[in-house]
Amino acid sequence: MMKKCILFLTLALFLAPLAGADGPKIGLGLFGGGNFPVAMEDQGTGSAFGFKARIKALDFLVVEPNITFGKWGSPDPINGIDLGIDGSKVSSYGLDLTIGGLPGAVGFKPFGFVGAGFYSIENDDTGYEESKLGISAGLGFAIGLSSNFDFDVRGKAIVAPQEKGSKKAVFVIGGLTYNFGPAD
């Protein structure tokens, strides 16, 4: 997990100087919120947090490299039987393509996005550990507080394929992004 953080921060440090007066709009941010498993009786509601970069590629398209850390909660008893396990840890690093919600513009900015990433799911109680390429999609909105600060809220559905089936969840997250580069 530490290697992923270092890789992400290194990428961000190399991209930040590109956001000079004539350069592209680039933002760095953090986010956090709830992590809701879908159709998984062996997991409960948990939390998610992470870091992202937002790079304006075109006048309507933003590229978002991101890293997310989360944990599902302990499952509710099934038919009155307590499974006696904690929820799994879920982490990912990936890339989302966002239509709308451009960094640096002041005001309300709705957006949609699709993405892919490597999802790692681990459960210490069961010894389960699996990492595979997965997909995500969602909707959200950003509020440009100024040309330098954006606050965003989004719902992100993920599908993380596993050896047998897949793990599915919806993240409901909010975050703050600091934008570098010229104002739009």
N, C-alpha and C. Protein backbone atom coordinates (compact mmCIF):
# COMPACT_ATOMS: atom_id res chain seq x y z
N MET A 1 0.84 -1.18 0.00
CA MET A 1 0.00 0.00 0.00
C MET A 1 0.88 1.25 0.00
N MET A 2 1.97 1.23 0.74
CA MET A 2 2.87 2.38 0.81
C MET A 2 3.49 2.66 -0.55
N LYS A 3 3.81 1.60 -1.31
CA LYS A 3 4.40 1.77 -2.64
C LYS A 3 3.43 2.53 -3.55
N LYS A 4 2.13 2.22 -3.45
CA LYS A 4 1.14 2.89 -4.28
C LYS A 4 1.06 4.37 -3.93
N CYS A 5 1.10 4.71 -2.64
CA CYS A 5 1.07 6.12 -2.21
C CYS A 5 2.29 6.86 -2.74
N ILE A 6 3.45 6.25 -2.61
CA ILE A 6 4.67 6.89 -3.07
C ILE A 6 4.64 7.08 -4.58
N LEU A 7 4.17 6.09 -5.33
CA LEU A 7 4.05 6.20 -6.78
C LEU A 7 3.11 7.33 -7.16
N PHE A 8 1.96 7.42 -6.50
CA PHE A 8 0.98 8.45 -6.79
C PHE A 8 1.55 9.84 -6.48
N LEU A 9 2.18 10.01 -5.32
CA LEU A 9 2.74 11.31 -4.94
C LEU A 9 3.88 11.71 -5.87
N THR A 10 4.69 10.76 -6.30
CA THR A 10 5.77 11.05 -7.25
C THR A 10 5.20 11.54 -8.57
N LEU A 11 4.17 10.87 -9.07
CA LEU A 11 3.50 11.29 -10.30
C LEU A 11 2.96 12.71 -10.14
N ALA A 12 2.33 12.98 -9.01
CA ALA A 12 1.76 14.31 -8.77
C ALA A 12 2.86 15.38 -8.74
N LEU A 13 4.00 15.07 -8.11
CA LEU A 13 5.09 16.05 -8.04
C LEU A 13 5.68 16.33 -9.42
N PHE A 14 5.74 15.34 -10.29
CA PHE A 14 6.24 15.55 -11.65
C PHE A 14 5.25 16.35 -12.50
N LEU A 15 3.95 16.17 -12.26
CA LEU A 15 2.94 16.87 -13.05
C LEU A 15 2.72 18.30 -12.59
N ALA A 16 2.92 18.60 -11.32
CA ALA A 16 2.63 19.94 -10.79
C ALA A 16 3.39 21.05 -11.51
N PRO A 17 4.69 20.90 -11.85
CA PRO A 17 5.38 21.99 -12.55
C PRO A 17 4.81 22.27 -13.94
N LEU A 18 4.12 21.31 -14.54
CA LEU A 18 3.52 21.52 -15.85
C LEU A 18 2.39 22.55 -15.80
N ALA A 19 1.91 22.84 -14.62
CA ALA A 19 0.77 23.74 -14.47
C ALA A 19 1.22 25.18 -14.35
N GLY A 20 2.14 25.61 -15.17
CA GLY A 20 2.60 26.99 -15.16
C GLY A 20 1.56 27.92 -15.75
N ALA A 21 1.92 29.16 -15.96
CA ALA A 21 0.98 30.18 -16.43
C ALA A 21 0.34 29.80 -17.77
N ASP A 22 1.10 29.16 -18.65
CA ASP A 22 0.55 28.78 -19.95
C ASP A 22 0.22 27.30 -20.04
N GLY A 23 0.39 26.57 -18.94
CA GLY A 23 0.21 25.13 -18.93
C GLY A 23 -1.23 24.70 -18.72
N PRO A 24 -1.44 23.41 -18.70
CA PRO A 24 -2.79 22.88 -18.48
C PRO A 24 -3.24 23.05 -17.04
N LYS A 25 -4.54 22.94 -16.80
CA LYS A 25 -5.09 22.99 -15.45
C LYS A 25 -4.92 21.62 -14.83
N ILE A 26 -4.26 21.58 -13.68
CA ILE A 26 -4.01 20.34 -12.96
C ILE A 26 -4.44 20.54 -11.51
N GLY A 27 -5.12 19.56 -10.94
CA GLY A 27 -5.54 19.64 -9.55
C GLY A 27 -5.10 18.41 -8.78
N LEU A 28 -4.83 18.61 -7.49
CA LEU A 28 -4.51 17.51 -6.59
C LEU A 28 -5.50 17.56 -5.44
N GLY A 29 -6.05 16.40 -5.09
CA GLY A 29 -7.07 16.42 -4.05
C GLY A 29 -7.13 15.16 -3.22
N LEU A 30 -8.00 15.22 -2.22
CA LEU A 30 -8.26 14.08 -1.37
C LEU A 30 -9.77 13.94 -1.22
N PHE A 31 -10.20 12.73 -0.85
CA PHE A 31 -11.63 12.46 -0.72
C PHE A 31 -11.87 11.40 0.34
N GLY A 32 -13.11 11.31 0.79
CA GLY A 32 -13.49 10.30 1.77
C GLY A 32 -14.99 10.14 1.80
N GLY A 33 -15.46 9.02 2.33
CA GLY A 33 -16.89 8.78 2.42
C GLY A 33 -17.23 7.35 2.75
N GLY A 34 -18.43 6.94 2.32
CA GLY A 34 -18.94 5.61 2.62
C GLY A 34 -18.71 4.63 1.50
N ASN A 35 -18.62 3.35 1.88
CA ASN A 35 -18.34 2.24 0.97
C ASN A 35 -19.45 1.21 1.20
N PHE A 36 -20.36 1.06 0.25
CA PHE A 36 -21.55 0.24 0.42
C PHE A 36 -21.50 -0.99 -0.49
N PRO A 37 -21.32 -2.19 0.08
CA PRO A 37 -21.28 -3.41 -0.74
C PRO A 37 -22.63 -3.66 -1.39
N VAL A 38 -22.60 -4.23 -2.59
CA VAL A 38 -23.81 -4.54 -3.34
C VAL A 38 -23.88 -6.06 -3.52
N ALA A 39 -24.98 -6.65 -3.07
CA ALA A 39 -25.23 -8.10 -3.22
C ALA A 39 -24.10 -8.95 -2.64
N MET A 40 -23.58 -8.53 -1.48
CA MET A 40 -22.55 -9.31 -0.78
C MET A 40 -23.00 -9.45 0.67
N GLU A 41 -23.48 -10.63 1.04
CA GLU A 41 -23.94 -10.85 2.41
C GLU A 41 -22.78 -11.00 3.39
N ASP A 42 -21.57 -11.25 2.87
CA ASP A 42 -20.42 -11.44 3.75
C ASP A 42 -19.66 -10.15 4.04
N GLN A 43 -20.23 -8.99 3.67
CA GLN A 43 -19.59 -7.71 3.92
C GLN A 43 -20.64 -6.71 4.40
N GLY A 44 -20.25 -5.77 5.24
CA GLY A 44 -21.12 -4.71 5.71
C GLY A 44 -20.64 -3.36 5.20
N THR A 45 -21.41 -2.32 5.46
CA THR A 45 -21.06 -0.97 5.06
C THR A 45 -19.77 -0.53 5.74
N GLY A 46 -18.92 0.16 4.99
CA GLY A 46 -17.64 0.60 5.54
C GLY A 46 -17.28 2.00 5.09
N SER A 47 -15.99 2.25 4.98
CA SER A 47 -15.50 3.58 4.64
C SER A 47 -14.51 3.51 3.49
N ALA A 48 -14.26 4.67 2.87
CA ALA A 48 -13.29 4.77 1.79
C ALA A 48 -12.66 6.16 1.84
N PHE A 49 -11.38 6.25 1.50
CA PHE A 49 -10.71 7.54 1.37
C PHE A 49 -9.60 7.37 0.35
N GLY A 50 -9.11 8.48 -0.16
CA GLY A 50 -8.04 8.38 -1.13
C GLY A 50 -7.54 9.72 -1.63
N PHE A 51 -6.73 9.64 -2.68
CA PHE A 51 -6.10 10.79 -3.29
C PHE A 51 -6.32 10.73 -4.79
N LYS A 52 -6.36 11.90 -5.43
CA LYS A 52 -6.56 11.95 -6.87
C LYS A 52 -5.82 13.14 -7.46
N ALA A 53 -5.53 13.03 -8.73
CA ALA A 53 -5.06 14.16 -9.52
C ALA A 53 -6.14 14.41 -10.57
N ARG A 54 -6.32 15.64 -10.96
CA ARG A 54 -7.30 15.98 -12.01
C ARG A 54 -6.53 16.76 -13.07
N ILE A 55 -6.49 16.23 -14.29
CA ILE A 55 -5.73 16.84 -15.37
C ILE A 55 -6.70 17.15 -16.51
N LYS A 56 -6.85 18.43 -16.82
CA LYS A 56 -7.74 18.85 -17.92
C LYS A 56 -7.06 18.47 -19.23
N ALA A 57 -7.66 17.50 -19.95
CA ALA A 57 -7.10 17.03 -21.21
C ALA A 57 -7.68 17.81 -22.39
N LEU A 58 -8.98 18.05 -22.38
CA LEU A 58 -9.69 18.79 -23.43
C LEU A 58 -10.67 19.73 -22.75
N ASP A 59 -11.37 20.54 -23.51
CA ASP A 59 -12.33 21.49 -22.93
C ASP A 59 -13.50 20.80 -22.24
N PHE A 60 -13.67 19.51 -22.43
CA PHE A 60 -14.78 18.78 -21.81
C PHE A 60 -14.33 17.52 -21.07
N LEU A 61 -13.03 17.19 -21.11
CA LEU A 61 -12.53 15.92 -20.60
C LEU A 61 -11.44 16.12 -19.55
N VAL A 62 -11.60 15.43 -18.41
CA VAL A 62 -10.61 15.46 -17.34
C VAL A 62 -10.13 14.03 -17.09
N VAL A 63 -8.82 13.85 -16.98
CA VAL A 63 -8.22 12.56 -16.67
C VAL A 63 -7.91 12.57 -15.17
N GLU A 64 -8.34 11.51 -14.46
CA GLU A 64 -8.17 11.46 -13.01
C GLU A 64 -7.44 10.18 -12.57
N PRO A 65 -6.11 10.21 -12.43
CA PRO A 65 -5.45 9.10 -11.76
C PRO A 65 -5.83 9.15 -10.28
N ASN A 66 -6.06 7.99 -9.66
CA ASN A 66 -6.51 7.98 -8.26
C ASN A 66 -6.04 6.73 -7.55
N ILE A 67 -6.01 6.86 -6.23
CA ILE A 67 -5.70 5.72 -5.37
C ILE A 67 -6.72 5.76 -4.22
N THR A 68 -7.33 4.62 -3.94
CA THR A 68 -8.41 4.55 -2.95
C THR A 68 -8.11 3.44 -1.95
N PHE A 69 -8.39 3.72 -0.68
CA PHE A 69 -8.26 2.73 0.39
C PHE A 69 -9.61 2.63 1.08
N GLY A 70 -10.06 1.43 1.33
CA GLY A 70 -11.34 1.28 1.99
C GLY A 70 -11.42 0.01 2.80
N LYS A 71 -12.50 -0.10 3.54
CA LYS A 71 -12.75 -1.30 4.35
C LYS A 71 -14.24 -1.51 4.43
N TRP A 72 -14.66 -2.71 4.15
CA TRP A 72 -16.05 -3.06 4.36
C TRP A 72 -16.21 -3.42 5.83
N GLY A 73 -17.41 -3.23 6.34
CA GLY A 73 -17.67 -3.56 7.74
C GLY A 73 -17.97 -5.04 7.93
N SER A 74 -18.08 -5.43 9.19
CA SER A 74 -18.45 -6.81 9.52
C SER A 74 -19.86 -7.07 9.02
N PRO A 75 -20.11 -8.26 8.50
CA PRO A 75 -21.44 -8.57 7.97
C PRO A 75 -22.48 -8.73 9.08
N ASP A 76 -23.73 -8.43 8.74
CA ASP A 76 -24.84 -8.70 9.65
C ASP A 76 -25.02 -10.21 9.74
N PRO A 77 -25.58 -10.71 10.83
CA PRO A 77 -25.86 -12.16 10.93
C PRO A 77 -26.77 -12.62 9.76
N ILE A 78 -26.46 -13.78 9.24
CA ILE A 78 -27.25 -14.37 8.15
C ILE A 78 -28.09 -15.49 8.75
N ASN A 79 -29.41 -15.37 8.65
CA ASN A 79 -30.34 -16.33 9.25
C ASN A 79 -30.03 -16.54 10.73
N GLY A 80 -29.67 -15.43 11.42
CA GLY A 80 -29.40 -15.49 12.85
C GLY A 80 -28.03 -16.02 13.22
N ILE A 81 -27.19 -16.31 12.22
CA ILE A 81 -25.86 -16.86 12.48
C ILE A 81 -24.81 -15.78 12.25
N ASP A 82 -24.01 -15.50 13.29
CA ASP A 82 -22.93 -14.53 13.17
C ASP A 82 -21.75 -15.22 12.50
N LEU A 83 -21.26 -14.67 11.39
CA LEU A 83 -20.16 -15.29 10.66
C LEU A 83 -18.83 -15.17 11.40
N GLY A 84 -18.71 -14.21 12.32
CA GLY A 84 -17.50 -14.06 13.12
C GLY A 84 -16.29 -13.57 12.35
N ILE A 85 -16.52 -12.83 11.26
CA ILE A 85 -15.40 -12.29 10.49
C ILE A 85 -15.53 -10.78 10.37
N ASP A 86 -14.40 -10.12 10.22
CA ASP A 86 -14.38 -8.69 9.93
C ASP A 86 -14.57 -8.49 8.43
N GLY A 87 -14.92 -7.27 8.05
CA GLY A 87 -15.04 -6.95 6.63
C GLY A 87 -13.69 -6.93 5.95
N SER A 88 -13.70 -7.06 4.66
CA SER A 88 -12.46 -7.07 3.86
C SER A 88 -11.94 -5.66 3.64
N LYS A 89 -10.63 -5.57 3.41
CA LYS A 89 -10.01 -4.31 2.98
C LYS A 89 -10.05 -4.29 1.46
N VAL A 90 -10.35 -3.13 0.91
CA VAL A 90 -10.36 -2.99 -0.55
C VAL A 90 -9.54 -1.75 -0.89
N SER A 91 -8.58 -1.92 -1.79
CA SER A 91 -7.79 -0.78 -2.24
C SER A 91 -7.67 -0.85 -3.76
N SER A 92 -7.46 0.31 -4.35
CA SER A 92 -7.33 0.34 -5.81
C SER A 92 -6.47 1.51 -6.23
N TYR A 93 -5.89 1.35 -7.38
CA TYR A 93 -5.27 2.48 -8.07
C TYR A 93 -5.72 2.37 -9.50
N GLY A 94 -6.17 3.52 -10.04
CA GLY A 94 -6.76 3.47 -11.36
C GLY A 94 -6.78 4.81 -12.05
N LEU A 95 -7.55 4.86 -13.12
CA LEU A 95 -7.66 6.04 -13.96
C LEU A 95 -9.11 6.20 -14.37
N ASP A 96 -9.69 7.37 -14.09
CA ASP A 96 -11.05 7.69 -14.50
C ASP A 96 -11.00 8.77 -15.58
N LEU A 97 -11.93 8.69 -16.52
CA LEU A 97 -12.12 9.73 -17.53
C LEU A 97 -13.44 10.41 -17.21
N THR A 98 -13.38 11.72 -16.96
CA THR A 98 -14.54 12.49 -16.53
C THR A 98 -14.99 13.43 -17.63
N ILE A 99 -16.27 13.39 -17.96
CA ILE A 99 -16.87 14.32 -18.91
C ILE A 99 -17.55 15.40 -18.10
N GLY A 100 -17.07 16.65 -18.21
CA GLY A 100 -17.61 17.76 -17.43
C GLY A 100 -16.84 17.95 -16.14
N GLY A 101 -17.30 18.89 -15.31
CA GLY A 101 -16.67 19.15 -14.02
C GLY A 101 -15.25 19.66 -14.12
N LEU A 102 -14.99 20.53 -15.11
CA LEU A 102 -13.63 20.99 -15.36
C LEU A 102 -13.01 21.70 -14.17
N PRO A 103 -11.74 21.43 -13.88
CA PRO A 103 -11.08 22.09 -12.75
C PRO A 103 -10.89 23.58 -13.02
N GLY A 104 -11.02 24.37 -11.97
CA GLY A 104 -10.74 25.79 -12.07
C GLY A 104 -11.90 26.69 -12.46
N ALA A 105 -13.02 26.12 -12.89
CA ALA A 105 -14.19 26.93 -13.25
C ALA A 105 -15.04 27.12 -11.99
N VAL A 106 -15.47 28.35 -11.74
CA VAL A 106 -16.27 28.67 -10.57
C VAL A 106 -17.73 28.31 -10.84
N GLY A 107 -18.42 27.77 -9.83
CA GLY A 107 -19.84 27.46 -9.95
C GLY A 107 -20.14 25.98 -9.89
N PHE A 108 -21.39 25.62 -10.21
CA PHE A 108 -21.88 24.24 -10.17
C PHE A 108 -21.51 23.53 -11.46
N LYS A 109 -20.91 22.32 -11.35
CA LYS A 109 -20.40 21.60 -12.51
C LYS A 109 -20.75 20.11 -12.42
N PRO A 110 -21.84 19.65 -13.05
CA PRO A 110 -22.15 18.22 -13.03
C PRO A 110 -21.18 17.45 -13.94
N PHE A 111 -20.98 16.16 -13.63
CA PHE A 111 -20.10 15.34 -14.47
C PHE A 111 -20.49 13.87 -14.38
N GLY A 112 -20.01 13.11 -15.35
CA GLY A 112 -20.11 11.66 -15.37
C GLY A 112 -18.71 11.10 -15.63
N PHE A 113 -18.48 9.84 -15.25
CA PHE A 113 -17.15 9.30 -15.46
C PHE A 113 -17.20 7.78 -15.62
N VAL A 114 -16.16 7.26 -16.26
CA VAL A 114 -15.91 5.82 -16.38
C VAL A 114 -14.43 5.62 -16.07
N GLY A 115 -14.10 4.43 -15.61
CA GLY A 115 -12.70 4.19 -15.29
C GLY A 115 -12.36 2.73 -15.16
N ALA A 116 -11.09 2.49 -14.96
CA ALA A 116 -10.58 1.14 -14.74
C ALA A 116 -9.46 1.24 -13.71
N GLY A 117 -9.23 0.16 -13.00
CA GLY A 117 -8.18 0.15 -12.00
C GLY A 117 -7.86 -1.25 -11.53
N PHE A 118 -6.78 -1.37 -10.81
CA PHE A 118 -6.41 -2.63 -10.19
C PHE A 118 -6.98 -2.63 -8.78
N TYR A 119 -7.88 -3.57 -8.49
CA TYR A 119 -8.54 -3.67 -7.20
C TYR A 119 -7.95 -4.82 -6.42
N SER A 120 -7.54 -4.54 -5.20
CA SER A 120 -6.99 -5.56 -4.31
C SER A 120 -7.95 -5.72 -3.13
N ILE A 121 -8.39 -6.95 -2.90
CA ILE A 121 -9.32 -7.25 -1.81
C ILE A 121 -8.65 -8.27 -0.90
N GLU A 122 -8.60 -7.94 0.41
CA GLU A 122 -7.94 -8.81 1.39
C GLU A 122 -8.83 -8.96 2.61
N ASN A 123 -8.84 -10.18 3.17
CA ASN A 123 -9.53 -10.41 4.43
C ASN A 123 -8.62 -11.25 5.32
N ASP A 124 -8.15 -10.64 6.41
CA ASP A 124 -7.21 -11.31 7.32
C ASP A 124 -7.84 -12.52 8.01
N ASP A 125 -9.15 -12.45 8.32
CA ASP A 125 -9.82 -13.55 9.02
C ASP A 125 -9.93 -14.81 8.16
N THR A 126 -10.14 -14.64 6.87
CA THR A 126 -10.33 -15.80 6.00
C THR A 126 -9.10 -16.14 5.17
N GLY A 127 -8.11 -15.24 5.17
CA GLY A 127 -6.91 -15.47 4.36
C GLY A 127 -7.12 -15.17 2.89
N TYR A 128 -8.25 -14.56 2.56
CA TYR A 128 -8.56 -14.25 1.17
C TYR A 128 -7.74 -13.06 0.70
N GLU A 129 -7.15 -13.17 -0.48
CA GLU A 129 -6.42 -12.06 -1.09
C GLU A 129 -6.47 -12.22 -2.60
N GLU A 130 -6.95 -11.19 -3.28
CA GLU A 130 -7.10 -11.25 -4.74
C GLU A 130 -6.91 -9.85 -5.30
N SER A 131 -6.17 -9.72 -6.40
CA SER A 131 -5.98 -8.44 -7.10
C SER A 131 -6.23 -8.65 -8.58
N LYS A 132 -7.13 -7.85 -9.13
CA LYS A 132 -7.44 -7.95 -10.56
C LYS A 132 -7.87 -6.60 -11.09
N LEU A 133 -7.87 -6.48 -12.42
CA LEU A 133 -8.35 -5.28 -13.09
C LEU A 133 -9.87 -5.23 -12.98
N GLY A 134 -10.40 -4.07 -12.60
CA GLY A 134 -11.84 -3.88 -12.48
C GLY A 134 -12.27 -2.60 -13.18
N ILE A 135 -13.56 -2.34 -13.14
CA ILE A 135 -14.11 -1.15 -13.80
C ILE A 135 -14.94 -0.34 -12.82
N SER A 136 -15.17 0.93 -13.17
CA SER A 136 -16.00 1.80 -12.35
C SER A 136 -16.72 2.80 -13.25
N ALA A 137 -17.78 3.36 -12.73
CA ALA A 137 -18.54 4.40 -13.43
C ALA A 137 -19.36 5.15 -12.39
N GLY A 138 -19.77 6.37 -12.74
CA GLY A 138 -20.59 7.10 -11.80
C GLY A 138 -20.94 8.49 -12.27
N LEU A 139 -21.62 9.20 -11.37
CA LEU A 139 -22.06 10.57 -11.60
C LEU A 139 -21.71 11.41 -10.39
N GLY A 140 -21.60 12.69 -10.60
CA GLY A 140 -21.33 13.59 -9.49
C GLY A 140 -21.46 15.03 -9.90
N PHE A 141 -21.11 15.88 -8.97
CA PHE A 141 -21.07 17.31 -9.26
C PHE A 141 -19.95 17.94 -8.47
N ALA A 142 -19.41 19.01 -9.03
CA ALA A 142 -18.38 19.78 -8.36
C ALA A 142 -18.90 21.20 -8.18
N ILE A 143 -18.44 21.82 -7.14
CA ILE A 143 -18.73 23.23 -6.92
C ILE A 143 -17.40 23.94 -6.89
N GLY A 144 -17.18 24.79 -7.90
CA GLY A 144 -15.96 25.58 -7.95
C GLY A 144 -16.07 26.73 -6.96
N LEU A 145 -15.37 26.62 -5.84
CA LEU A 145 -15.40 27.66 -4.81
C LEU A 145 -14.60 28.88 -5.24
N SER A 146 -13.54 28.64 -6.03
CA SER A 146 -12.71 29.67 -6.63
C SER A 146 -11.98 28.99 -7.79
N SER A 147 -11.11 29.72 -8.47
CA SER A 147 -10.37 29.06 -9.56
C SER A 147 -9.37 28.05 -9.02
N ASN A 148 -9.06 28.13 -7.72
CA ASN A 148 -8.09 27.20 -7.14
C ASN A 148 -8.70 26.06 -6.35
N PHE A 149 -9.94 26.18 -5.87
CA PHE A 149 -10.54 25.13 -5.04
C PHE A 149 -11.85 24.63 -5.61
N ASP A 150 -11.96 23.30 -5.71
CA ASP A 150 -13.20 22.62 -6.11
C ASP A 150 -13.58 21.65 -5.00
N PHE A 151 -14.87 21.62 -4.68
CA PHE A 151 -15.44 20.63 -3.78
C PHE A 151 -16.31 19.74 -4.64
N ASP A 152 -16.15 18.41 -4.54
CA ASP A 152 -17.00 17.53 -5.35
C ASP A 152 -17.61 16.41 -4.53
N VAL A 153 -18.76 15.95 -4.99
CA VAL A 153 -19.49 14.81 -4.41
C VAL A 153 -19.80 13.87 -5.56
N ARG A 154 -19.58 12.57 -5.34
CA ARG A 154 -19.84 11.61 -6.42
C ARG A 154 -20.28 10.26 -5.87
N GLY A 155 -21.01 9.56 -6.71
CA GLY A 155 -21.35 8.17 -6.47
C GLY A 155 -20.56 7.35 -7.47
N LYS A 156 -19.78 6.38 -7.00
CA LYS A 156 -18.91 5.59 -7.86
C LYS A 156 -19.21 4.11 -7.67
N ALA A 157 -19.74 3.48 -8.70
CA ALA A 157 -20.00 2.04 -8.67
C ALA A 157 -18.77 1.31 -9.18
N ILE A 158 -18.33 0.28 -8.44
CA ILE A 158 -17.17 -0.50 -8.86
C ILE A 158 -17.56 -1.96 -9.04
N VAL A 159 -16.89 -2.61 -9.97
CA VAL A 159 -17.00 -4.06 -10.16
C VAL A 159 -15.57 -4.58 -10.19
N ALA A 160 -15.22 -5.36 -9.17
CA ALA A 160 -13.87 -5.91 -9.04
C ALA A 160 -13.93 -7.41 -9.26
N PRO A 161 -13.61 -7.89 -10.49
CA PRO A 161 -13.65 -9.33 -10.76
C PRO A 161 -12.72 -10.11 -9.82
N GLN A 162 -13.16 -11.29 -9.45
CA GLN A 162 -12.38 -12.18 -8.60
C GLN A 162 -12.29 -13.53 -9.30
N GLU A 163 -11.59 -14.47 -8.70
CA GLU A 163 -11.45 -15.80 -9.32
C GLU A 163 -12.82 -16.43 -9.55
N LYS A 164 -13.72 -16.25 -8.59
CA LYS A 164 -15.09 -16.77 -8.72
C LYS A 164 -16.05 -15.61 -8.53
N GLY A 165 -16.58 -15.08 -9.62
CA GLY A 165 -17.53 -13.98 -9.53
C GLY A 165 -16.85 -12.63 -9.44
N SER A 166 -17.48 -11.70 -8.72
CA SER A 166 -16.91 -10.36 -8.57
C SER A 166 -17.43 -9.73 -7.29
N LYS A 167 -16.71 -8.73 -6.83
CA LYS A 167 -17.12 -7.92 -5.68
C LYS A 167 -17.65 -6.62 -6.26
N LYS A 168 -18.81 -6.18 -5.78
CA LYS A 168 -19.42 -4.95 -6.27
C LYS A 168 -19.70 -4.04 -5.09
N ALA A 169 -19.53 -2.73 -5.32
CA ALA A 169 -19.79 -1.76 -4.25
C ALA A 169 -20.10 -0.41 -4.87
N VAL A 170 -20.70 0.45 -4.06
CA VAL A 170 -20.92 1.84 -4.44
C VAL A 170 -20.22 2.69 -3.38
N PHE A 171 -19.35 3.56 -3.85
CA PHE A 171 -18.69 4.53 -2.97
C PHE A 171 -19.46 5.84 -3.10
N VAL A 172 -19.83 6.43 -1.99
CA VAL A 172 -20.41 7.78 -1.97
C VAL A 172 -19.38 8.63 -1.25
N ILE A 173 -18.70 9.49 -2.03
CA ILE A 173 -17.55 10.21 -1.51
C ILE A 173 -17.62 11.70 -1.82
N GLY A 174 -16.96 12.47 -1.00
CA GLY A 174 -16.81 13.90 -1.22
C GLY A 174 -15.35 14.26 -1.06
N GLY A 175 -14.93 15.32 -1.76
CA GLY A 175 -13.53 15.67 -1.68
C GLY A 175 -13.26 17.12 -2.01
N LEU A 176 -12.03 17.51 -1.76
CA LEU A 176 -11.57 18.86 -2.02
C LEU A 176 -10.33 18.77 -2.90
N THR A 177 -10.28 19.60 -3.94
CA THR A 177 -9.16 19.61 -4.88
C THR A 177 -8.57 21.00 -4.97
N TYR A 178 -7.25 21.08 -4.94
CA TYR A 178 -6.55 22.35 -5.17
C TYR A 178 -6.06 22.34 -6.61
N ASN A 179 -6.41 23.37 -7.38
CA ASN A 179 -6.06 23.46 -8.79
C ASN A 179 -4.87 24.39 -9.02
N PHE A 180 -3.94 23.91 -9.84
CA PHE A 180 -2.78 24.70 -10.25
C PHE A 180 -3.03 25.17 -11.68
N GLY A 181 -2.30 26.15 -12.14
CA GLY A 181 -2.40 26.58 -13.52
C GLY A 181 -3.31 27.79 -13.67
N PRO A 182 -3.47 28.24 -14.92
CA PRO A 182 -4.23 29.46 -15.18
C PRO A 182 -5.73 29.27 -14.92
N ALA A 183 -6.40 30.33 -14.51
CA ALA A 183 -7.85 30.29 -14.31
C ALA A 183 -8.55 30.19 -15.65
N ASP A 184 -9.66 29.46 -15.67
CA ASP A 184 -10.44 29.35 -16.91
C ASP A 184 -11.35 30.54 -17.08
